[in-house]
C-alpha atoms as a PDB file:
ATOM      1  CA  MET A   1      40.781 -91.671  76.690  1.00  0.00           C
ATOM      2  CA  LYS A   2      40.866 -94.019  73.830  1.00  0.00           C
ATOM      3  CA  LYS A   3      37.601 -95.553  75.110  1.00  0.00           C
ATOM      4  CA  ILE A   4      36.378 -91.739  75.530  1.00  0.00           C
ATOM      5  CA  LEU A   5      37.574 -91.379  71.792  1.00  0.00           C
ATOM      6  CA  VAL A   6      35.889 -94.305  70.599  1.00  0.00           C
ATOM      7  CA  SER A   7      32.862 -94.517  71.969  1.00  0.00           C
ATOM      8  CA  LEU A   8      32.382 -91.042  70.507  1.00  0.00           C
ATOM      9  CA  SER A   9      33.623 -92.074  67.224  1.00  0.00           C
ATOM     10  CA  ILE A  10      30.799 -95.350  67.202  1.00  0.00           C
ATOM     11  CA  PHE A  11      28.233 -92.435  68.644  1.00  0.00           C
ATOM     12  CA  LEU A  12      29.198 -90.273  65.675  1.00  0.00           C
ATOM     13  CA  SER A  13      29.046 -93.461  63.326  1.00  0.00           C
ATOM     14  CA  LEU A  14      25.877 -94.060  64.593  1.00  0.00           C
ATOM     15  CA  ALA A  15      24.905 -90.497  63.960  1.00  0.00           C
ATOM     16  CA  VAL A  16      25.550 -90.186  60.069  1.00  0.00           C
ATOM     17  CA  LEU A  17      23.866 -93.620  59.854  1.00  0.00           C
ATOM     18  CA  ALA A  18      20.533 -92.316  61.565  1.00  0.00           C
ATOM     19  CA  VAL A  19      20.936 -89.115  59.588  1.00  0.00           C
ATOM     20  CA  SER A  20      21.422 -90.944  56.030  1.00  0.00           C
ATOM     21  CA  ALA A  21      18.203 -93.218  57.031  1.00  0.00           C
ATOM     22  CA  ALA A  22      16.437 -90.418  57.628  1.00  0.00           C
ATOM     23  CA  ALA A  23      17.439 -89.021  54.080  1.00  0.00           C
ATOM     24  CA  GLN A  24      16.649 -91.921  52.182  1.00  0.00           C
ATOM     25  CA  GLN A  25      13.322 -92.054  53.951  1.00  0.00           C
ATOM     26  CA  PHE A  26      12.039 -90.380  50.641  1.00  0.00           C
ATOM     27  CA  ASP A  27      13.753 -88.087  48.463  1.00  0.00           C
ATOM     28  CA  ARG A  28      13.949 -84.450  49.501  1.00  0.00           C
ATOM     29  CA  ASN A  29      12.865 -83.091  46.363  1.00  0.00           C
ATOM     30  CA  LEU A  30       9.850 -84.763  45.922  1.00  0.00           C
ATOM     31  CA  PHE A  31       6.313 -82.318  45.362  1.00  0.00           C
ATOM     32  CA  ILE A  32       3.051 -83.866  47.036  1.00  0.00           C
ATOM     33  CA  THR A  33       0.044 -82.138  45.470  1.00  0.00           C
ATOM     34  CA  ILE A  34      -3.098 -83.475  46.705  1.00  0.00           C
ATOM     35  CA  ALA A  35      -6.519 -83.222  44.449  1.00  0.00           C
ATOM     36  CA  THR A  36      -9.434 -82.210  46.172  1.00  0.00           C
ATOM     37  CA  GLY A  37     -12.516 -80.701  44.509  1.00  0.00           C
ATOM     38  CA  GLY A  38     -14.071 -77.157  44.837  1.00  0.00           C
ATOM     39  CA  THR A  39     -13.111 -74.985  47.374  1.00  0.00           C
ATOM     40  CA  SER A  40     -16.424 -74.642  48.345  1.00  0.00           C
ATOM     41  CA  GLY A  41     -17.005 -78.171  49.609  1.00  0.00           C
ATOM     42  CA  VAL A  42     -15.336 -80.150  52.286  1.00  0.00           C
ATOM     43  CA  TYR A  43     -12.640 -81.418  50.418  1.00  0.00           C
ATOM     44  CA  TYR A  44     -10.280 -78.821  49.933  1.00  0.00           C
ATOM     45  CA  PRO A  45      -9.641 -77.681  53.435  1.00  0.00           C
ATOM     46  CA  ILE A  46      -8.892 -80.349  54.530  1.00  0.00           C
ATOM     47  CA  GLY A  47      -6.241 -81.126  51.592  1.00  0.00           C
ATOM     48  CA  GLY A  48      -4.971 -78.058  52.534  1.00  0.00           C
ATOM     49  CA  ALA A  49      -4.264 -79.327  56.530  1.00  0.00           C
ATOM     50  CA  VAL A  50      -2.826 -82.210  54.723  1.00  0.00           C
ATOM     51  CA  ALA A  51      -0.541 -80.657  52.808  1.00  0.00           C
ATOM     52  CA  ASN A  52      -0.002 -78.340  55.840  1.00  0.00           C
ATOM     53  CA  ILE A  53       0.767 -81.597  58.337  1.00  0.00           C
ATOM     54  CA  ILE A  54       3.170 -83.064  54.974  1.00  0.00           C
ATOM     55  CA  ALA A  55       5.109 -80.339  54.515  1.00  0.00           C
ATOM     56  CA  ARG A  56       5.998 -79.632  58.156  1.00  0.00           C
ATOM     57  CA  ASP A  57       6.807 -82.666  59.031  1.00  0.00           C
ATOM     58  CA  LEU A  58       8.239 -84.521  56.493  1.00  0.00           C
ATOM     59  CA  LYS A  59       9.669 -81.363  55.079  1.00  0.00           C
ATOM     60  CA  VAL A  60       8.650 -81.327  51.113  1.00  0.00           C
ATOM     61  CA  ASP A  61       6.921 -79.384  49.319  1.00  0.00           C
ATOM     62  CA  THR A  62       2.918 -79.960  49.015  1.00  0.00           C
ATOM     63  CA  SER A  63       0.326 -77.741  47.064  1.00  0.00           C
ATOM     64  CA  VAL A  64      -3.555 -78.616  46.955  1.00  0.00           C
ATOM     65  CA  GLN A  65      -4.960 -78.578  43.627  1.00  0.00           C
ATOM     66  CA  SER A  66      -8.710 -77.602  43.335  1.00  0.00           C
ATOM     67  CA  THR A  67     -10.733 -80.317  40.694  1.00  0.00           C
ATOM     68  CA  GLY A  68     -13.904 -81.039  39.519  1.00  0.00           C
ATOM     69  CA  ALA A  69     -13.052 -83.925  42.558  1.00  0.00           C
ATOM     70  CA  SER A  70     -13.661 -87.785  42.582  1.00  0.00           C
ATOM     71  CA  VAL A  71     -13.560 -88.791  38.262  1.00  0.00           C
ATOM     72  CA  GLU A  72     -11.624 -85.862  37.771  1.00  0.00           C
ATOM     73  CA  ASN A  73      -9.154 -86.555  41.088  1.00  0.00           C
ATOM     74  CA  ILE A  74      -8.541 -90.791  39.655  1.00  0.00           C
ATOM     75  CA  ASN A  75      -7.890 -89.479  36.360  1.00  0.00           C
ATOM     76  CA  LEU A  76      -5.399 -87.197  37.396  1.00  0.00           C
ATOM     77  CA  LEU A  77      -3.549 -90.152  39.668  1.00  0.00           C
ATOM     78  CA  ASN A  78      -3.541 -92.401  36.195  1.00  0.00           C
ATOM     79  CA  ARG A  79      -1.601 -89.639  34.193  1.00  0.00           C
ATOM     80  CA  ASN A  80       0.790 -89.171  37.777  1.00  0.00           C
ATOM     81  CA  ARG A  81      -0.429 -85.323  37.797  1.00  0.00           C
ATOM     82  CA  VAL A  82      -0.776 -85.889  41.713  1.00  0.00           C
ATOM     83  CA  GLU A  83       0.639 -87.421  44.919  1.00  0.00           C
ATOM     84  CA  LEU A  84      -2.521 -87.449  46.732  1.00  0.00           C
ATOM     85  CA  ALA A  85      -6.219 -87.897  46.320  1.00  0.00           C
ATOM     86  CA  ILE A  86      -9.401 -87.116  48.087  1.00  0.00           C
ATOM     87  CA  VAL A  87     -12.341 -89.400  46.427  1.00  0.00           C
ATOM     88  CA  MET A  88     -15.746 -90.645  46.818  1.00  0.00           C
ATOM     89  CA  GLY A  89     -15.766 -94.704  47.107  1.00  0.00           C
ATOM     90  CA  ASP A  90     -18.742 -94.712  44.611  1.00  0.00           C
ATOM     91  CA  ALA A  91     -16.261 -93.221  41.846  1.00  0.00           C
ATOM     92  CA  VAL A  92     -13.188 -95.534  42.908  1.00  0.00           C
ATOM     93  CA  ALA A  93     -15.131 -98.846  42.838  1.00  0.00           C
ATOM     94  CA  GLN A  94     -15.921 -98.051  39.353  1.00  0.00           C
ATOM     95  CA  ALA A  95     -12.795 -97.424  38.339  1.00  0.00           C
ATOM     96  CA  TYR A  96     -11.073-100.647  40.438  1.00  0.00           C
ATOM     97  CA  GLU A  97     -13.724-102.486  38.318  1.00  0.00           C
ATOM     98  CA  GLY A  98     -14.009-100.600  35.256  1.00  0.00           C
ATOM     99  CA  ILE A  99     -17.731 -99.974  35.231  1.00  0.00           C
ATOM    100  CA  GLY A 100     -19.880 -97.283  35.529  1.00  0.00           C
ATOM    101  CA  ALA A 101     -18.947 -93.764  34.859  1.00  0.00           C
ATOM    102  CA  PHE A 102     -15.424 -95.867  33.511  1.00  0.00           C
ATOM    103  CA  GLU A 103     -17.433 -97.897  31.064  1.00  0.00           C
ATOM    104  CA  GLY A 104     -15.453 -99.255  28.010  1.00  0.00           C
ATOM    105  CA  ARG A 105     -12.111 -98.694  30.164  1.00  0.00           C
ATOM    106  CA  PRO A 106     -10.244-101.558  31.526  1.00  0.00           C
ATOM    107  CA  GLY A 107     -10.606-101.392  34.766  1.00  0.00           C
ATOM    108  CA  ASN A 108      -7.954 -99.843  36.587  1.00  0.00           C
ATOM    109  CA  LYS A 109      -6.337-102.304  39.305  1.00  0.00           C
ATOM    110  CA  ASP A 110      -3.119 -99.681  40.099  1.00  0.00           C
ATOM    111  CA  LEU A 111      -5.385 -97.699  42.204  1.00  0.00           C
ATOM    112  CA  ARG A 112      -4.134 -97.987  45.822  1.00  0.00           C
ATOM    113  CA  GLY A 113      -5.703 -96.966  48.822  1.00  0.00           C
ATOM    114  CA  LEU A 114      -3.495 -94.778  52.010  1.00  0.00           C
ATOM    115  CA  THR A 115      -7.095 -94.495  54.507  1.00  0.00           C
ATOM    116  CA  ALA A 116     -11.091 -94.332  54.924  1.00  0.00           C
ATOM    117  CA  LEU A 117     -11.695 -91.004  55.370  1.00  0.00           C
ATOM    118  CA  TYR A 118     -15.172 -89.663  56.409  1.00  0.00           C
ATOM    119  CA  PRO A 119     -18.924 -90.450  55.420  1.00  0.00           C
ATOM    120  CA  ASN A 120     -20.614 -87.919  52.283  1.00  0.00           C
ATOM    121  CA  TYR A 121     -23.933 -87.530  52.907  1.00  0.00           C
ATOM    122  CA  VAL A 122     -26.372 -87.084  49.559  1.00  0.00           C
ATOM    123  CA  GLN A 123     -27.893 -83.733  50.134  1.00  0.00           C
ATOM    124  CA  LEU A 124     -30.922 -83.042  47.813  1.00  0.00           C
ATOM    125  CA  VAL A 125     -30.921 -79.440  48.536  1.00  0.00           C
ATOM    126  CA  THR A 126     -34.072 -77.060  47.841  1.00  0.00           C
ATOM    127  CA  THR A 127     -36.622 -74.176  49.378  1.00  0.00           C
ATOM    128  CA  THR A 128     -39.532 -74.697  50.802  1.00  0.00           C
ATOM    129  CA  ARG A 129     -41.334 -72.166  47.842  1.00  0.00           C
ATOM    130  CA  THR A 130     -40.343 -74.864  45.044  1.00  0.00           C
ATOM    131  CA  GLY A 131     -42.830 -77.608  46.431  1.00  0.00           C
ATOM    132  CA  ILE A 132     -40.412 -80.597  46.542  1.00  0.00           C
ATOM    133  CA  ASN A 133     -41.065 -82.582  48.889  1.00  0.00           C
ATOM    134  CA  SER A 134     -39.564 -86.023  47.265  1.00  0.00           C
ATOM    135  CA  VAL A 135     -36.900 -86.913  44.883  1.00  0.00           C
ATOM    136  CA  ARG A 136     -39.962 -87.780  42.452  1.00  0.00           C
ATOM    137  CA  ASP A 137     -41.411 -84.488  42.941  1.00  0.00           C
ATOM    138  CA  LEU A 138     -37.932 -83.135  40.544  1.00  0.00           C
ATOM    139  CA  GLU A 139     -39.868 -84.829  37.518  1.00  0.00           C
ATOM    140  CA  GLY A 140     -39.896 -81.983  34.692  1.00  0.00           C
ATOM    141  CA  ARG A 141     -37.597 -79.665  37.625  1.00  0.00           C
ATOM    142  CA  ARG A 142     -34.129 -78.250  36.732  1.00  0.00           C
ATOM    143  CA  VAL A 143     -31.971 -79.788  38.938  1.00  0.00           C
ATOM    144  CA  GLY A 144     -28.238 -79.299  39.798  1.00  0.00           C
ATOM    145  CA  VAL A 145     -26.382 -82.777  39.496  1.00  0.00           C
ATOM    146  CA  GLY A 146     -22.769 -81.364  39.913  1.00  0.00           C
ATOM    147  CA  ALA A 147     -20.001 -80.787  38.127  1.00  0.00           C
ATOM    148  CA  ALA A 148     -20.216 -82.847  35.010  1.00  0.00           C
ATOM    149  CA  ASN A 149     -18.489 -86.801  35.648  1.00  0.00           C
ATOM    150  CA  SER A 150     -17.944 -85.957  39.182  1.00  0.00           C
ATOM    151  CA  GLY A 151     -18.610 -87.191  42.279  1.00  0.00           C
ATOM    152  CA  VAL A 152     -21.712 -85.906  43.018  1.00  0.00           C
ATOM    153  CA  GLU A 153     -23.462 -86.230  39.600  1.00  0.00           C
ATOM    154  CA  LEU A 154     -22.641 -90.291  39.479  1.00  0.00           C
ATOM    155  CA  ASN A 155     -24.220 -90.206  42.925  1.00  0.00           C
ATOM    156  CA  ALA A 156     -27.041 -87.733  41.195  1.00  0.00           C
ATOM    157  CA  ARG A 157     -27.729 -90.667  38.529  1.00  0.00           C
ATOM    158  CA  LEU A 158     -28.158 -93.420  41.167  1.00  0.00           C
ATOM    159  CA  ILE A 159     -30.564 -91.627  43.295  1.00  0.00           C
ATOM    160  CA  LEU A 160     -32.650 -90.920  40.132  1.00  0.00           C
ATOM    161  CA  GLU A 161     -32.150 -94.742  39.127  1.00  0.00           C
ATOM    162  CA  ALA A 162     -33.167 -95.766  42.809  1.00  0.00           C
ATOM    163  CA  HIS A 163     -36.467 -93.802  42.661  1.00  0.00           C
ATOM    164  CA  GLY A 164     -36.924 -95.252  38.959  1.00  0.00           C
ATOM    165  CA  MET A 165     -36.013 -91.933  36.975  1.00  0.00           C
ATOM    166  CA  SER A 166     -32.779 -90.768  35.251  1.00  0.00           C
ATOM    167  CA  TYR A 167     -32.130 -87.600  33.662  1.00  0.00           C
ATOM    168  CA  ASP A 168     -34.654 -87.770  30.831  1.00  0.00           C
ATOM    169  CA  ASN A 169     -37.115 -86.736  33.813  1.00  0.00           C
ATOM    170  CA  ILE A 170     -35.748 -83.828  35.008  1.00  0.00           C
ATOM    171  CA  ARG A 171     -33.990 -80.901  33.218  1.00  0.00           C
ATOM    172  CA  GLN A 172     -30.439 -81.488  34.352  1.00  0.00           C
ATOM    173  CA  ASP A 173     -27.863 -78.555  34.951  1.00  0.00           C
ATOM    174  CA  TYR A 174     -23.806 -79.340  35.474  1.00  0.00           C
ATOM    175  CA  LEU A 175     -22.911 -77.186  38.435  1.00  0.00           C
ATOM    176  CA  SER A 176     -20.586 -76.915  41.429  1.00  0.00           C
ATOM    177  CA  TYR A 177     -21.754 -76.502  44.906  1.00  0.00           C
ATOM    178  CA  SER A 178     -21.483 -72.886  45.340  1.00  0.00           C
ATOM    179  CA  GLU A 179     -22.659 -72.720  41.007  1.00  0.00           C
ATOM    180  CA  ALA A 180     -25.983 -74.100  41.748  1.00  0.00           C
ATOM    181  CA  VAL A 181     -27.044 -72.497  45.082  1.00  0.00           C
ATOM    182  CA  ASP A 182     -26.203 -69.352  42.543  1.00  0.00           C
ATOM    183  CA  GLN A 183     -28.913 -70.369  41.072  1.00  0.00           C
ATOM    184  CA  ILE A 184     -30.955 -71.683  43.501  1.00  0.00           C
ATOM    185  CA  LYS A 185     -31.236 -68.377  44.967  1.00  0.00           C
ATOM    186  CA  ASN A 186     -32.003 -66.777  41.995  1.00  0.00           C
ATOM    187  CA  GLY A 187     -34.340 -68.971  40.666  1.00  0.00           C
ATOM    188  CA  MET A 188     -32.688 -70.568  37.523  1.00  0.00           C
ATOM    189  CA  ILE A 189     -32.713 -74.726  39.061  1.00  0.00           C
ATOM    190  CA  ASP A 190     -35.555 -75.911  41.807  1.00  0.00           C
ATOM    191  CA  ALA A 191     -32.881 -78.133  43.557  1.00  0.00           C
ATOM    192  CA  ALA A 192     -29.947 -79.360  43.384  1.00  0.00           C
ATOM    193  CA  PHE A 193     -27.445 -82.652  44.830  1.00  0.00           C
ATOM    194  CA  VAL A 194     -24.576 -81.491  47.131  1.00  0.00           C
ATOM    195  CA  THR A 195     -22.920 -84.518  47.830  1.00  0.00           C
ATOM    196  CA  SER A 196     -20.227 -83.960  50.972  1.00  0.00           C
ATOM    197  CA  GLY A 197     -19.841 -83.952  54.764  1.00  0.00           C
ATOM    198  CA  ILE A 198     -21.847 -81.846  56.911  1.00  0.00           C
ATOM    199  CA  PRO A 199     -22.357 -79.225  56.902  1.00  0.00           C
ATOM    200  CA  ASN A 200     -21.349 -78.206  53.438  1.00  0.00           C
ATOM    201  CA  ALA A 201     -20.062 -74.417  53.885  1.00  0.00           C
ATOM    202  CA  THR A 202     -22.880 -73.742  50.567  1.00  0.00           C
ATOM    203  CA  VAL A 203     -26.191 -75.035  52.208  1.00  0.00           C
ATOM    204  CA  ILE A 204     -25.572 -73.011  55.427  1.00  0.00           C
ATOM    205  CA  ASP A 205     -24.882 -69.614  52.994  1.00  0.00           C
ATOM    206  CA  LEU A 206     -28.712 -71.049  51.642  1.00  0.00           C
ATOM    207  CA  SER A 207     -30.029 -71.273  54.813  1.00  0.00           C
ATOM    208  CA  THR A 208     -29.343 -67.418  55.862  1.00  0.00           C
ATOM    209  CA  THR A 209     -31.436 -66.133  53.229  1.00  0.00           C
ATOM    210  CA  HIS A 210     -33.862 -68.803  52.373  1.00  0.00           C
ATOM    211  CA  GLU A 211     -36.178 -71.621  54.041  1.00  0.00           C
ATOM    212  CA  ALA A 212     -34.065 -74.326  52.668  1.00  0.00           C
ATOM    213  CA  LYS A 213     -34.245 -78.068  52.605  1.00  0.00           C
ATOM    214  CA  ILE A 214     -33.175 -81.111  52.555  1.00  0.00           C
ATOM    215  CA  ILE A 215     -35.081 -83.513  50.879  1.00  0.00           C
ATOM    216  CA  PRO A 216     -35.052 -87.214  52.515  1.00  0.00           C
ATOM    217  CA  ILE A 217     -34.294 -90.566  50.603  1.00  0.00           C
ATOM    218  CA  ASP A 218     -37.009 -93.301  51.224  1.00  0.00           C
ATOM    219  CA  ASN A 219     -36.979 -96.459  52.570  1.00  0.00           C
ATOM    220  CA  ASP A 220     -37.399 -98.481  49.340  1.00  0.00           C
ATOM    221  CA  ALA A 221     -34.962 -96.562  47.613  1.00  0.00           C
ATOM    222  CA  LEU A 222     -31.910 -96.889  50.249  1.00  0.00           C
ATOM    223  CA  ALA A 223     -33.114-100.755  49.847  1.00  0.00           C
ATOM    224  CA  TYR A 224     -32.293-100.460  46.284  1.00  0.00           C
ATOM    225  CA  LEU A 225     -29.025 -98.584  46.821  1.00  0.00           C
ATOM    226  CA  THR A 226     -27.206-101.189  49.424  1.00  0.00           C
ATOM    227  CA  LYS A 227     -28.611-103.743  47.497  1.00  0.00           C
ATOM    228  CA  ASN A 228     -27.174-102.892  43.949  1.00  0.00           C
ATOM    229  CA  TYR A 229     -24.478-100.958  45.179  1.00  0.00           C
ATOM    230  CA  PRO A 230     -22.907-101.390  48.573  1.00  0.00           C
ATOM    231  CA  PHE A 231     -20.736 -98.379  48.486  1.00  0.00           C
ATOM    232  CA  PHE A 232     -23.800 -96.791  49.763  1.00  0.00           C
ATOM    233  CA  ALA A 233     -25.105 -96.806  53.471  1.00  0.00           C
ATOM    234  CA  ALA A 234     -28.006 -95.309  55.378  1.00  0.00           C
ATOM    235  CA  GLY A 235     -27.573 -92.376  57.123  1.00  0.00           C
ATOM    236  CA  ILE A 236     -28.842 -89.594  58.994  1.00  0.00           C
ATOM    237  CA  ILE A 237     -28.333 -85.265  58.748  1.00  0.00           C
ATOM    238  CA  PRO A 238     -29.747 -84.399  62.158  1.00  0.00           C
ATOM    239  CA  GLY A 239     -31.869 -81.579  62.965  1.00  0.00           C
ATOM    240  CA  GLY A 240     -30.719 -78.515  62.890  1.00  0.00           C
ATOM    241  CA  THR A 241     -27.308 -79.190  60.695  1.00  0.00           C
ATOM    242  CA  TYR A 242     -29.467 -76.487  58.778  1.00  0.00           C
ATOM    243  CA  ASN A 243     -32.885 -75.346  58.915  1.00  0.00           C
ATOM    244  CA  ASP A 244     -34.803 -78.629  59.315  1.00  0.00           C
ATOM    245  CA  LYS A 245     -35.727 -78.672  62.475  1.00  0.00           C
ATOM    246  CA  ASN A 246     -36.559 -82.847  62.671  1.00  0.00           C
ATOM    247  CA  ASP A 247     -33.183 -85.578  61.408  1.00  0.00           C
ATOM    248  CA  VAL A 248     -33.473 -86.120  57.596  1.00  0.00           C
ATOM    249  CA  GLN A 249     -33.206 -89.357  56.009  1.00  0.00           C
ATOM    250  CA  THR A 250     -30.322 -90.394  53.321  1.00  0.00           C
ATOM    251  CA  ALA A 251     -27.801 -92.326  51.722  1.00  0.00           C
ATOM    252  CA  THR A 252     -23.892 -92.147  53.094  1.00  0.00           C
ATOM    253  CA  ILE A 253     -20.954 -92.959  50.995  1.00  0.00           C
ATOM    254  CA  THR A 254     -17.363 -93.407  51.954  1.00  0.00           C
ATOM    255  CA  ASN A 255     -14.517 -90.801  51.543  1.00  0.00           C
ATOM    256  CA  VAL A 256     -10.964 -92.413  50.643  1.00  0.00           C
ATOM    257  CA  MET A 257      -7.622 -91.279  50.491  1.00  0.00           C
ATOM    258  CA  LEU A 258      -6.082 -92.586  47.792  1.00  0.00           C
ATOM    259  CA  VAL A 259      -2.379 -92.751  47.001  1.00  0.00           C
ATOM    260  CA  ASN A 260      -0.550 -92.936  43.875  1.00  0.00           C
ATOM    261  CA  HIS A 261       1.219 -96.063  43.801  1.00  0.00           C
ATOM    262  CA  ARG A 262       4.428 -95.489  42.414  1.00  0.00           C
ATOM    263  CA  LEU A 263       5.218 -93.801  45.746  1.00  0.00           C
ATOM    264  CA  SER A 264       8.005 -95.720  47.592  1.00  0.00           C
ATOM    265  CA  ASP A 265       6.563 -97.575  50.898  1.00  0.00           C
ATOM    266  CA  ASP A 266       8.760 -95.642  52.724  1.00  0.00           C
ATOM    267  CA  VAL A 267       7.385 -92.523  51.727  1.00  0.00           C
ATOM    268  CA  VAL A 268       3.733 -93.519  52.360  1.00  0.00           C
ATOM    269  CA  TYR A 269       4.338 -95.074  55.478  1.00  0.00           C
ATOM    270  CA  HIS A 270       5.870 -91.689  56.471  1.00  0.00           C
ATOM    271  CA  ILE A 271       2.950 -89.501  54.910  1.00  0.00           C
ATOM    272  CA  THR A 272       0.467 -92.309  56.648  1.00  0.00           C
ATOM    273  CA  LYS A 273       2.486 -91.960  59.983  1.00  0.00           C
ATOM    274  CA  SER A 274       2.266 -88.574  59.787  1.00  0.00           C
ATOM    275  CA  LEU A 275      -1.339 -87.883  59.317  1.00  0.00           C
ATOM    276  CA  PHE A 276      -2.853 -90.045  61.817  1.00  0.00           C
ATOM    277  CA  GLU A 277       0.147 -88.576  64.873  1.00  0.00           C
ATOM    278  CA  ASN A 278      -1.290 -84.803  64.086  1.00  0.00           C
ATOM    279  CA  LEU A 279      -5.457 -85.352  63.558  1.00  0.00           C
ATOM    280  CA  ASP A 280      -5.859 -82.654  65.953  1.00  0.00           C
ATOM    281  CA  THR A 281      -4.492 -80.737  62.705  1.00  0.00           C
ATOM    282  CA  LEU A 282      -7.350 -82.270  60.306  1.00  0.00           C
ATOM    283  CA  TYR A 283     -10.579 -82.261  62.832  1.00  0.00           C
ATOM    284  CA  GLY A 284      -9.724 -77.920  62.671  1.00  0.00           C
ATOM    285  CA  ALA A 285     -10.234 -78.050  59.535  1.00  0.00           C
ATOM    286  CA  HIS A 286     -13.533 -79.097  58.978  1.00  0.00           C
ATOM    287  CA  ASN A 287     -15.960 -81.140  61.086  1.00  0.00           C
ATOM    288  CA  ALA A 288     -16.201 -83.989  58.701  1.00  0.00           C
ATOM    289  CA  ALA A 289     -12.720 -84.730  59.320  1.00  0.00           C
ATOM    290  CA  ARG A 290     -13.726 -85.659  63.300  1.00  0.00           C
ATOM    291  CA  ASN A 291     -14.794 -88.840  61.646  1.00  0.00           C
ATOM    292  CA  ILE A 292     -11.401 -90.076  59.953  1.00  0.00           C
ATOM    293  CA  LYS A 293     -10.015 -92.526  63.005  1.00  0.00           C
ATOM    294  CA  LEU A 294      -7.751 -95.336  63.287  1.00  0.00           C
ATOM    295  CA  GLU A 295     -10.099 -97.328  64.027  1.00  0.00           C
ATOM    296  CA  THR A 296     -12.338 -96.998  60.634  1.00  0.00           C
ATOM    297  CA  VAL A 297      -9.554 -96.903  58.600  1.00  0.00           C
ATOM    298  CA  ALA A 298     -10.641 -99.496  56.300  1.00  0.00           C
ATOM    299  CA  ASP A 299     -14.483 -98.953  56.416  1.00  0.00           C
ATOM    300  CA  GLY A 300     -15.609 -98.382  52.634  1.00  0.00           C
ATOM    301  CA  MET A 301     -12.420 -98.981  51.083  1.00  0.00           C
ATOM    302  CA  PRO A 302     -13.261-100.102  48.126  1.00  0.00           C
ATOM    303  CA  VAL A 303      -9.256-101.212  46.703  1.00  0.00           C
ATOM    304  CA  PRO A 304      -5.953-102.331  47.570  1.00  0.00           C
ATOM    305  CA  PHE A 305      -4.243-100.207  50.558  1.00  0.00           C
ATOM    306  CA  HIS A 306      -1.275 -98.987  49.581  1.00  0.00           C
ATOM    307  CA  PRO A 307       2.428-101.268  50.879  1.00  0.00           C
ATOM    308  CA  GLY A 308       3.209 -98.050  53.070  1.00  0.00           C
ATOM    309  CA  ALA A 309      -0.511 -97.337  54.248  1.00  0.00           C
ATOM    310  CA  GLU A 310      -0.721-100.862  55.449  1.00  0.00           C
ATOM    311  CA  ARG A 311       2.507-101.240  57.399  1.00  0.00           C
ATOM    312  CA  TYR A 312       1.860 -98.210  59.098  1.00  0.00           C
ATOM    313  CA  PHE A 313      -2.028 -99.764  60.037  1.00  0.00           C
ATOM    314  CA  ARG A 314      -0.644-102.882  61.099  1.00  0.00           C
ATOM    315  CA  GLU A 315       1.997-101.568  63.298  1.00  0.00           C
ATOM    316  CA  VAL A 316      -0.834 -99.331  65.369  1.00  0.00           C
ATOM    317  CA  GLY A 317      -3.030-102.429  65.405  1.00  0.00           C
ATOM    318  CA  ALA A 318      -5.576-101.085  63.013  1.00  0.00           C
ATOM    319  CA  LEU A 319      -5.363-103.523  60.590  1.00  0.00           C
ATOM    320  CA  LYS A 320      -4.929-107.739  61.745  1.00  0.00           C
END
């Protein structure tokens, strides 16, 4: 009887310690806000899936914030307004080094990565009626370049630069994906940059009512981009994604998930673990999410990993 009581006492002690340890893994009052992008883009549904996974697994409150995307999301992290943010790799690299859109600011060396996500495809969208067949045909045209200071707008500037052009050569309009597509439908603009995962819902919408087309990025421009801006890579939008029957050559940029560097290692470890143990949920949010894999967590990541994420990836062999 005494042995049974001792065993029971040890068991209860261990259970209390286990509960105590679990409680110390993260603050139950923690609120995780995920900065995404416009509701018509890919960031938003993926951010929603991330929020659901974290809320279910970690039993903390979460929210998804629709934003102007990359640059705004980095600024929200800087101001400690969000815990996670989905951002394009080019904006992250520029913020980390204090160049490009972040010229004149000190490099933000506090930025930390949780994981690489999936490639964004530069999609220069127009319709057959415009007669636009190349980037250089944008000369003098009305072009949606993304929301001001968004990752899309950064891309638009660089794509034009790669073709020897700038905003001096076009009539730029700062529009979200949905606004740009509406303006194309109404004949108010001629083309728009839509840098996102594929397929993009707004481009699908345009394709249902108009002869939409995606303008390719030529070899010389791709060579310039990949040489001068290593976060770019060559990519192909498969024929049939929209109205185009043939593959379209373009540039891609990796999307990454950043995490607030102020979060504890344990919190970030458990967030990372939860996401990668629930990839099917992420895959159900959007086709683009199917590119999120343990094998590619470091691909295109321009900043150091948060120690909590790095710990998990080393445990599962994703990082050596």
